[in-house]
N, C-alpha and C. Protein backbone atom coordinates (compact mmCIF):
# COMPACT_ATOMS: atom_id res chain seq x y z
N MET A 1 -22.93 5.73 -16.08
CA MET A 1 -22.19 4.62 -15.57
C MET A 1 -21.84 3.67 -16.72
N ALA A 2 -20.61 3.32 -16.84
CA ALA A 2 -20.17 2.46 -17.91
C ALA A 2 -20.63 1.01 -17.68
N GLU A 3 -21.01 0.37 -18.76
CA GLU A 3 -21.42 -1.04 -18.69
C GLU A 3 -20.18 -1.91 -18.40
N LYS A 4 -20.40 -2.98 -17.65
CA LYS A 4 -19.33 -3.91 -17.37
C LYS A 4 -19.02 -4.68 -18.63
N THR A 5 -17.74 -4.84 -18.92
CA THR A 5 -17.36 -5.68 -20.05
C THR A 5 -17.04 -7.07 -19.55
N PHE A 6 -17.16 -8.04 -20.40
CA PHE A 6 -16.93 -9.45 -20.05
C PHE A 6 -15.82 -10.00 -20.89
N PRO A 7 -14.56 -9.96 -20.35
CA PRO A 7 -13.46 -10.50 -21.14
C PRO A 7 -13.65 -12.00 -21.32
N MET A 8 -13.42 -12.46 -22.54
CA MET A 8 -13.55 -13.91 -22.77
C MET A 8 -12.73 -14.28 -24.02
N THR A 9 -12.46 -15.55 -24.06
CA THR A 9 -11.75 -16.12 -25.20
C THR A 9 -12.74 -16.27 -26.38
N LEU A 10 -12.26 -16.37 -27.57
CA LEU A 10 -13.12 -16.60 -28.74
C LEU A 10 -13.92 -17.88 -28.54
N GLU A 11 -13.25 -18.93 -28.04
CA GLU A 11 -13.91 -20.21 -27.77
C GLU A 11 -15.06 -20.04 -26.73
N GLY A 12 -14.80 -19.26 -25.70
CA GLY A 12 -15.79 -19.00 -24.69
C GLY A 12 -17.00 -18.28 -25.26
N LYS A 13 -16.76 -17.31 -26.16
CA LYS A 13 -17.87 -16.58 -26.76
C LYS A 13 -18.68 -17.52 -27.64
N GLN A 14 -18.04 -18.40 -28.36
CA GLN A 14 -18.73 -19.33 -29.22
C GLN A 14 -19.60 -20.32 -28.36
N LYS A 15 -19.09 -20.73 -27.25
CA LYS A 15 -19.86 -21.64 -26.36
C LYS A 15 -21.07 -20.91 -25.80
N LEU A 16 -20.91 -19.64 -25.43
CA LEU A 16 -22.05 -18.86 -24.94
C LEU A 16 -23.11 -18.67 -26.04
N GLU A 17 -22.64 -18.44 -27.29
CA GLU A 17 -23.60 -18.33 -28.37
C GLU A 17 -24.36 -19.61 -28.60
N GLU A 18 -23.69 -20.76 -28.49
CA GLU A 18 -24.34 -22.05 -28.66
C GLU A 18 -25.33 -22.27 -27.51
N GLN A 19 -24.98 -21.92 -26.30
CA GLN A 19 -25.84 -22.07 -25.16
C GLN A 19 -27.09 -21.19 -25.32
N LEU A 20 -26.89 -19.96 -25.81
CA LEU A 20 -27.98 -19.04 -26.03
C LEU A 20 -28.95 -19.60 -27.06
N GLU A 21 -28.42 -20.14 -28.15
CA GLU A 21 -29.26 -20.72 -29.18
C GLU A 21 -30.08 -21.90 -28.63
N PHE A 22 -29.45 -22.75 -27.82
CA PHE A 22 -30.15 -23.89 -27.19
C PHE A 22 -31.28 -23.39 -26.31
N LEU A 23 -31.00 -22.41 -25.43
CA LEU A 23 -31.99 -21.89 -24.55
C LEU A 23 -33.19 -21.27 -25.30
N LYS A 24 -32.87 -20.58 -26.39
CA LYS A 24 -33.93 -19.88 -27.13
C LYS A 24 -34.78 -20.84 -28.00
N THR A 25 -34.20 -21.93 -28.39
CA THR A 25 -34.93 -22.82 -29.33
C THR A 25 -35.43 -24.07 -28.57
N GLU A 26 -34.52 -24.98 -28.34
CA GLU A 26 -34.90 -26.30 -27.76
C GLU A 26 -35.49 -26.15 -26.34
N LYS A 27 -34.82 -25.41 -25.50
CA LYS A 27 -35.29 -25.32 -24.10
C LYS A 27 -36.63 -24.59 -24.03
N ARG A 28 -36.79 -23.52 -24.75
CA ARG A 28 -38.07 -22.78 -24.77
C ARG A 28 -39.18 -23.73 -25.25
N ALA A 29 -38.96 -24.44 -26.32
CA ALA A 29 -39.98 -25.34 -26.87
C ALA A 29 -40.35 -26.43 -25.87
N GLU A 30 -39.35 -26.96 -25.22
CA GLU A 30 -39.60 -28.01 -24.22
C GLU A 30 -40.46 -27.47 -23.08
N ILE A 31 -40.17 -26.27 -22.63
CA ILE A 31 -40.91 -25.66 -21.50
C ILE A 31 -42.35 -25.35 -21.94
N VAL A 32 -42.53 -24.88 -23.18
CA VAL A 32 -43.89 -24.56 -23.66
C VAL A 32 -44.72 -25.86 -23.68
N LYS A 33 -44.13 -26.96 -24.12
CA LYS A 33 -44.83 -28.24 -24.13
C LYS A 33 -45.23 -28.66 -22.72
N ARG A 34 -44.30 -28.49 -21.76
CA ARG A 34 -44.65 -28.82 -20.35
C ARG A 34 -45.76 -27.97 -19.84
N ILE A 35 -45.82 -26.67 -20.21
CA ILE A 35 -46.87 -25.80 -19.76
C ILE A 35 -48.21 -26.27 -20.38
N GLN A 36 -48.18 -26.58 -21.63
CA GLN A 36 -49.41 -27.06 -22.33
C GLN A 36 -49.94 -28.34 -21.67
N VAL A 37 -49.06 -29.29 -21.37
CA VAL A 37 -49.49 -30.51 -20.73
C VAL A 37 -50.05 -30.22 -19.37
N ALA A 38 -49.36 -29.37 -18.61
CA ALA A 38 -49.81 -29.04 -17.24
C ALA A 38 -51.18 -28.33 -17.26
N ARG A 39 -51.42 -27.50 -18.28
CA ARG A 39 -52.73 -26.79 -18.41
C ARG A 39 -53.83 -27.79 -18.63
N SER A 40 -53.53 -28.88 -19.31
CA SER A 40 -54.58 -29.87 -19.59
C SER A 40 -55.01 -30.62 -18.34
N PHE A 41 -54.30 -30.48 -17.23
CA PHE A 41 -54.65 -31.13 -15.99
C PHE A 41 -55.80 -30.40 -15.29
N GLY A 42 -56.17 -29.23 -15.78
CA GLY A 42 -57.30 -28.53 -15.19
C GLY A 42 -56.90 -27.37 -14.35
N ASP A 43 -57.57 -27.21 -13.20
CA ASP A 43 -57.45 -26.07 -12.30
C ASP A 43 -55.99 -25.64 -12.08
N LEU A 44 -55.64 -24.45 -12.58
CA LEU A 44 -54.26 -23.98 -12.52
C LEU A 44 -53.88 -23.51 -11.13
N SER A 45 -54.85 -23.15 -10.29
CA SER A 45 -54.54 -22.67 -8.96
C SER A 45 -53.92 -23.68 -8.05
N GLU A 46 -54.18 -24.94 -8.31
CA GLU A 46 -53.57 -26.01 -7.47
C GLU A 46 -52.76 -26.99 -8.32
N ASN A 47 -52.16 -26.50 -9.41
CA ASN A 47 -51.48 -27.33 -10.35
C ASN A 47 -49.94 -27.12 -10.17
N SER A 48 -49.33 -28.01 -9.44
CA SER A 48 -47.90 -27.85 -9.15
C SER A 48 -47.06 -28.05 -10.42
N GLU A 49 -47.49 -28.91 -11.36
CA GLU A 49 -46.74 -29.06 -12.59
C GLU A 49 -46.72 -27.77 -13.41
N TYR A 50 -47.86 -27.08 -13.39
CA TYR A 50 -47.94 -25.82 -14.11
C TYR A 50 -47.03 -24.77 -13.47
N GLU A 51 -47.08 -24.70 -12.15
CA GLU A 51 -46.25 -23.70 -11.44
C GLU A 51 -44.77 -24.00 -11.66
N ALA A 52 -44.37 -25.27 -11.63
CA ALA A 52 -42.99 -25.64 -11.82
C ALA A 52 -42.51 -25.29 -13.25
N ALA A 53 -43.41 -25.53 -14.22
CA ALA A 53 -43.06 -25.20 -15.60
C ALA A 53 -42.95 -23.67 -15.82
N LYS A 54 -43.84 -22.92 -15.18
CA LYS A 54 -43.78 -21.46 -15.27
C LYS A 54 -42.48 -20.94 -14.61
N ASP A 55 -42.12 -21.53 -13.46
CA ASP A 55 -40.88 -21.11 -12.78
C ASP A 55 -39.68 -21.41 -13.67
N GLU A 56 -39.69 -22.59 -14.30
CA GLU A 56 -38.59 -22.96 -15.21
C GLU A 56 -38.51 -22.00 -16.39
N GLN A 57 -39.70 -21.61 -16.88
CA GLN A 57 -39.74 -20.66 -18.00
C GLN A 57 -39.11 -19.33 -17.60
N ALA A 58 -39.43 -18.84 -16.38
CA ALA A 58 -38.90 -17.58 -15.89
C ALA A 58 -37.36 -17.68 -15.72
N HIS A 59 -36.92 -18.80 -15.22
CA HIS A 59 -35.45 -19.02 -15.05
C HIS A 59 -34.74 -19.06 -16.40
N ASN A 60 -35.33 -19.73 -17.35
CA ASN A 60 -34.77 -19.83 -18.72
C ASN A 60 -34.65 -18.43 -19.33
N GLU A 61 -35.73 -17.65 -19.23
CA GLU A 61 -35.73 -16.32 -19.80
C GLU A 61 -34.69 -15.45 -19.12
N GLY A 62 -34.50 -15.61 -17.82
CA GLY A 62 -33.45 -14.87 -17.09
C GLY A 62 -32.06 -15.24 -17.59
N GLN A 63 -31.83 -16.53 -17.83
CA GLN A 63 -30.55 -16.97 -18.36
C GLN A 63 -30.32 -16.39 -19.73
N ILE A 64 -31.35 -16.35 -20.58
CA ILE A 64 -31.24 -15.80 -21.92
C ILE A 64 -30.82 -14.33 -21.82
N LYS A 65 -31.44 -13.56 -20.99
CA LYS A 65 -31.14 -12.13 -20.85
C LYS A 65 -29.69 -11.94 -20.36
N GLU A 66 -29.28 -12.76 -19.40
CA GLU A 66 -27.93 -12.66 -18.84
C GLU A 66 -26.87 -12.98 -19.94
N ILE A 67 -27.08 -14.03 -20.68
CA ILE A 67 -26.14 -14.40 -21.76
C ILE A 67 -26.11 -13.32 -22.87
N GLU A 68 -27.28 -12.84 -23.23
CA GLU A 68 -27.35 -11.78 -24.25
C GLU A 68 -26.54 -10.58 -23.78
N ASN A 69 -26.67 -10.20 -22.51
CA ASN A 69 -25.91 -9.06 -21.98
C ASN A 69 -24.38 -9.33 -22.01
N GLN A 70 -24.02 -10.54 -21.64
CA GLN A 70 -22.57 -10.88 -21.69
C GLN A 70 -22.05 -10.84 -23.10
N LEU A 71 -22.81 -11.35 -24.05
CA LEU A 71 -22.34 -11.34 -25.42
C LEU A 71 -22.31 -9.91 -26.01
N GLN A 72 -23.30 -9.09 -25.62
CA GLN A 72 -23.36 -7.70 -26.09
C GLN A 72 -22.14 -6.89 -25.58
N HIS A 73 -21.67 -7.26 -24.40
CA HIS A 73 -20.57 -6.51 -23.80
C HIS A 73 -19.29 -7.38 -23.73
N ALA A 74 -19.18 -8.36 -24.60
CA ALA A 74 -18.04 -9.22 -24.65
C ALA A 74 -16.82 -8.49 -25.16
N GLU A 75 -15.68 -8.79 -24.56
CA GLU A 75 -14.39 -8.25 -24.98
C GLU A 75 -13.50 -9.45 -25.26
N ILE A 76 -13.28 -9.75 -26.53
CA ILE A 76 -12.45 -10.90 -26.89
C ILE A 76 -10.99 -10.59 -26.59
N ILE A 77 -10.37 -11.53 -25.88
CA ILE A 77 -9.02 -11.36 -25.42
C ILE A 77 -8.04 -11.66 -26.54
N ASP A 78 -7.13 -10.73 -26.78
CA ASP A 78 -6.05 -10.92 -27.77
C ASP A 78 -4.71 -10.87 -27.04
N ASN A 79 -4.04 -12.04 -27.02
CA ASN A 79 -2.77 -12.12 -26.28
C ASN A 79 -1.60 -12.00 -27.23
N SER A 80 -1.77 -11.51 -28.44
CA SER A 80 -0.66 -11.45 -29.41
C SER A 80 0.47 -10.51 -28.93
N ASP A 81 0.15 -9.54 -28.10
CA ASP A 81 1.20 -8.64 -27.61
C ASP A 81 1.73 -9.03 -26.24
N VAL A 82 1.35 -10.22 -25.75
CA VAL A 82 1.82 -10.69 -24.45
C VAL A 82 2.87 -11.77 -24.72
N SER A 83 3.99 -11.72 -24.00
CA SER A 83 5.05 -12.73 -24.24
C SER A 83 4.56 -14.12 -23.87
N ASP A 84 5.16 -15.11 -24.51
CA ASP A 84 4.69 -16.53 -24.37
C ASP A 84 4.75 -17.04 -22.93
N ASP A 85 5.66 -16.51 -22.13
CA ASP A 85 5.83 -17.02 -20.77
C ASP A 85 5.16 -16.15 -19.70
N GLU A 86 4.31 -15.22 -20.14
CA GLU A 86 3.58 -14.32 -19.20
C GLU A 86 2.14 -14.80 -19.02
N VAL A 87 1.70 -14.80 -17.76
CA VAL A 87 0.32 -15.20 -17.43
C VAL A 87 -0.62 -14.08 -17.86
N ALA A 88 -1.70 -14.48 -18.59
CA ALA A 88 -2.70 -13.54 -19.06
C ALA A 88 -4.01 -14.24 -19.26
N ILE A 89 -5.09 -13.50 -19.40
CA ILE A 89 -6.40 -14.13 -19.66
C ILE A 89 -6.30 -14.91 -20.96
N GLY A 90 -6.87 -16.12 -20.94
CA GLY A 90 -6.84 -16.96 -22.11
C GLY A 90 -5.72 -18.00 -22.06
N LYS A 91 -4.78 -17.78 -21.20
CA LYS A 91 -3.63 -18.70 -21.13
C LYS A 91 -3.84 -19.70 -20.00
N THR A 92 -3.11 -20.82 -20.07
CA THR A 92 -3.13 -21.84 -19.05
C THR A 92 -1.81 -21.72 -18.27
N VAL A 93 -1.96 -21.75 -16.94
CA VAL A 93 -0.81 -21.57 -16.10
C VAL A 93 -0.67 -22.79 -15.16
N VAL A 94 0.54 -23.25 -14.98
CA VAL A 94 0.85 -24.34 -14.05
C VAL A 94 1.74 -23.73 -12.96
N PHE A 95 1.28 -23.92 -11.67
CA PHE A 95 2.05 -23.36 -10.56
C PHE A 95 2.08 -24.36 -9.42
N GLN A 96 2.99 -24.15 -8.50
CA GLN A 96 3.15 -25.12 -7.41
C GLN A 96 3.49 -24.36 -6.14
N GLU A 97 2.83 -24.82 -5.04
CA GLU A 97 3.12 -24.28 -3.71
C GLU A 97 4.00 -25.27 -3.00
N ASP A 98 5.16 -24.84 -2.57
CA ASP A 98 6.11 -25.68 -1.81
C ASP A 98 6.26 -27.05 -2.51
N ASP A 99 6.04 -28.14 -1.79
CA ASP A 99 6.17 -29.47 -2.33
C ASP A 99 4.84 -30.10 -2.70
N ASP A 100 3.79 -29.29 -2.78
CA ASP A 100 2.47 -29.77 -3.18
C ASP A 100 2.49 -30.17 -4.68
N GLU A 101 1.43 -30.87 -5.08
CA GLU A 101 1.26 -31.23 -6.48
C GLU A 101 1.07 -29.92 -7.26
N PRO A 102 1.62 -29.84 -8.49
CA PRO A 102 1.39 -28.66 -9.31
C PRO A 102 -0.10 -28.55 -9.67
N GLU A 103 -0.59 -27.32 -9.80
CA GLU A 103 -1.99 -27.05 -10.18
C GLU A 103 -1.99 -26.37 -11.50
N THR A 104 -2.98 -26.72 -12.33
CA THR A 104 -3.11 -26.19 -13.71
C THR A 104 -4.48 -25.57 -13.88
N TYR A 105 -4.50 -24.32 -14.30
CA TYR A 105 -5.78 -23.62 -14.57
C TYR A 105 -5.63 -22.79 -15.83
N GLN A 106 -6.76 -22.68 -16.55
CA GLN A 106 -6.84 -21.71 -17.64
C GLN A 106 -7.50 -20.48 -17.06
N ILE A 107 -6.94 -19.31 -17.33
CA ILE A 107 -7.51 -18.08 -16.84
C ILE A 107 -8.44 -17.54 -17.92
N VAL A 108 -9.71 -17.39 -17.52
CA VAL A 108 -10.76 -16.93 -18.47
C VAL A 108 -11.51 -15.78 -17.82
N GLY A 109 -12.40 -15.18 -18.61
CA GLY A 109 -13.28 -14.16 -18.08
C GLY A 109 -14.33 -14.80 -17.17
N SER A 110 -15.01 -13.98 -16.37
CA SER A 110 -15.98 -14.51 -15.42
C SER A 110 -17.12 -15.23 -16.08
N ALA A 111 -17.45 -14.82 -17.31
CA ALA A 111 -18.58 -15.46 -18.01
C ALA A 111 -18.31 -16.93 -18.38
N GLU A 112 -17.07 -17.29 -18.51
CA GLU A 112 -16.78 -18.69 -18.88
C GLU A 112 -16.03 -19.48 -17.79
N ALA A 113 -15.94 -18.93 -16.59
CA ALA A 113 -15.29 -19.60 -15.49
C ALA A 113 -16.01 -20.89 -15.13
N ASP A 114 -15.25 -21.94 -14.86
CA ASP A 114 -15.77 -23.24 -14.51
C ASP A 114 -14.63 -23.97 -13.73
N ALA A 115 -14.55 -23.75 -12.46
CA ALA A 115 -13.45 -24.27 -11.66
C ALA A 115 -13.36 -25.80 -11.73
N PHE A 116 -14.49 -26.46 -11.86
CA PHE A 116 -14.49 -27.94 -11.92
C PHE A 116 -13.79 -28.45 -13.16
N ASN A 117 -13.74 -27.61 -14.19
CA ASN A 117 -13.05 -27.98 -15.44
C ASN A 117 -11.78 -27.20 -15.64
N GLY A 118 -11.23 -26.69 -14.58
CA GLY A 118 -9.93 -26.02 -14.61
C GLY A 118 -9.90 -24.63 -15.23
N LYS A 119 -11.04 -23.95 -15.25
CA LYS A 119 -11.12 -22.60 -15.80
C LYS A 119 -11.51 -21.63 -14.67
N ILE A 120 -10.56 -20.75 -14.33
CA ILE A 120 -10.85 -19.81 -13.23
C ILE A 120 -10.97 -18.38 -13.79
N SER A 121 -11.80 -17.61 -13.13
CA SER A 121 -12.08 -16.22 -13.55
C SER A 121 -10.85 -15.35 -13.32
N ASN A 122 -10.66 -14.41 -14.22
CA ASN A 122 -9.58 -13.47 -14.09
C ASN A 122 -9.78 -12.59 -12.83
N GLU A 123 -11.00 -12.57 -12.29
CA GLU A 123 -11.33 -11.80 -11.09
C GLU A 123 -11.06 -12.55 -9.81
N SER A 124 -10.77 -13.87 -9.90
CA SER A 124 -10.53 -14.67 -8.70
C SER A 124 -9.20 -14.25 -8.08
N PRO A 125 -9.03 -14.45 -6.76
CA PRO A 125 -7.78 -14.06 -6.10
C PRO A 125 -6.54 -14.71 -6.74
N ILE A 126 -6.67 -15.97 -7.09
CA ILE A 126 -5.53 -16.69 -7.67
C ILE A 126 -5.14 -16.09 -9.00
N ALA A 127 -6.10 -15.97 -9.93
CA ALA A 127 -5.78 -15.44 -11.26
C ALA A 127 -5.33 -13.99 -11.20
N ALA A 128 -6.03 -13.19 -10.40
CA ALA A 128 -5.67 -11.75 -10.29
C ALA A 128 -4.22 -11.61 -9.84
N SER A 129 -3.77 -12.48 -8.94
CA SER A 129 -2.42 -12.39 -8.45
C SER A 129 -1.38 -12.87 -9.47
N LEU A 130 -1.76 -13.85 -10.30
CA LEU A 130 -0.83 -14.45 -11.26
C LEU A 130 -0.69 -13.61 -12.56
N ILE A 131 -1.71 -12.95 -12.95
CA ILE A 131 -1.72 -12.20 -14.25
C ILE A 131 -0.55 -11.19 -14.23
N GLY A 132 0.21 -11.20 -15.31
CA GLY A 132 1.31 -10.29 -15.46
C GLY A 132 2.66 -10.87 -15.02
N HIS A 133 2.64 -12.00 -14.31
CA HIS A 133 3.84 -12.63 -13.87
C HIS A 133 4.33 -13.65 -14.94
N LYS A 134 5.60 -14.06 -14.80
CA LYS A 134 6.17 -14.95 -15.80
C LYS A 134 6.67 -16.25 -15.19
N VAL A 135 6.99 -17.18 -16.06
CA VAL A 135 7.55 -18.48 -15.66
C VAL A 135 8.74 -18.24 -14.76
N GLY A 136 8.80 -18.94 -13.61
CA GLY A 136 9.88 -18.78 -12.67
C GLY A 136 9.60 -17.84 -11.52
N ASP A 137 8.63 -16.95 -11.70
CA ASP A 137 8.29 -15.99 -10.67
C ASP A 137 7.66 -16.65 -9.45
N MET A 138 8.02 -16.12 -8.27
CA MET A 138 7.36 -16.54 -7.03
C MET A 138 6.28 -15.48 -6.77
N VAL A 139 5.06 -15.93 -6.55
CA VAL A 139 3.92 -15.00 -6.43
C VAL A 139 3.19 -15.30 -5.12
N THR A 140 2.90 -14.28 -4.33
CA THR A 140 2.12 -14.45 -3.13
C THR A 140 0.67 -14.13 -3.50
N ILE A 141 -0.22 -15.15 -3.20
CA ILE A 141 -1.63 -15.03 -3.50
C ILE A 141 -2.37 -14.87 -2.17
N GLU A 142 -3.14 -13.78 -2.10
CA GLU A 142 -3.99 -13.56 -0.91
C GLU A 142 -5.32 -14.25 -1.14
N THR A 143 -5.64 -15.25 -0.31
CA THR A 143 -6.91 -15.95 -0.43
C THR A 143 -7.66 -15.80 0.93
N PRO A 144 -8.94 -16.05 0.90
CA PRO A 144 -9.67 -15.97 2.16
C PRO A 144 -9.15 -16.92 3.25
N GLY A 145 -8.51 -18.01 2.80
CA GLY A 145 -7.95 -18.96 3.79
C GLY A 145 -6.54 -18.62 4.21
N GLY A 146 -6.00 -17.50 3.72
CA GLY A 146 -4.65 -17.08 4.10
C GLY A 146 -3.76 -17.00 2.82
N ASP A 147 -2.62 -16.37 3.02
CA ASP A 147 -1.72 -16.16 1.91
C ASP A 147 -1.00 -17.47 1.57
N MET A 148 -0.73 -17.62 0.25
CA MET A 148 0.07 -18.77 -0.21
C MET A 148 1.08 -18.26 -1.26
N THR A 149 2.27 -18.80 -1.21
CA THR A 149 3.31 -18.38 -2.17
C THR A 149 3.51 -19.56 -3.14
N VAL A 150 3.41 -19.24 -4.43
CA VAL A 150 3.53 -20.27 -5.46
C VAL A 150 4.63 -19.88 -6.42
N LYS A 151 5.13 -20.89 -7.12
CA LYS A 151 6.09 -20.65 -8.18
C LYS A 151 5.40 -21.01 -9.51
N ILE A 152 5.51 -20.11 -10.48
CA ILE A 152 4.93 -20.37 -11.79
C ILE A 152 5.87 -21.30 -12.56
N LEU A 153 5.39 -22.47 -12.95
CA LEU A 153 6.20 -23.48 -13.60
C LEU A 153 6.10 -23.41 -15.12
N GLU A 154 4.88 -23.07 -15.60
CA GLU A 154 4.68 -23.13 -17.05
C GLU A 154 3.49 -22.23 -17.42
N VAL A 155 3.59 -21.63 -18.58
CA VAL A 155 2.48 -20.85 -19.15
C VAL A 155 2.31 -21.30 -20.59
N LYS A 156 1.08 -21.67 -20.96
CA LYS A 156 0.84 -22.12 -22.36
C LYS A 156 -0.44 -21.52 -22.90
């Protein structure tokens, strides 16, 4: 079975590398200190601070493994062969449905998706429908809430 690749921008890969470094160094050290302090409280069987610190340690190690996997299987997106007005991973697209306000999103790989900051995964229904289309195209997007037809206003 082939490993899943994680398409991402160079900027996204650099941010993941920075996050990994933080988790491995600062966060690990902080958690170790919390565990040491909690151990000093005595009986570990009824020590909620110790249990919380151990849970946080397990969560941190899980995040480290996940990020390492994403970086190991990262696929840096190169849009040099995509026309300037075509929607692709790594590009920002502005689109509008009917008379609604225009919406702006950067299309990124799932590893760097952050909808609250305008970055949507290439696997999301919106991005998957828009990829490959150009400025001026009318695109029907199938969403769980129903279909919507949008016009692509700008790609940058």
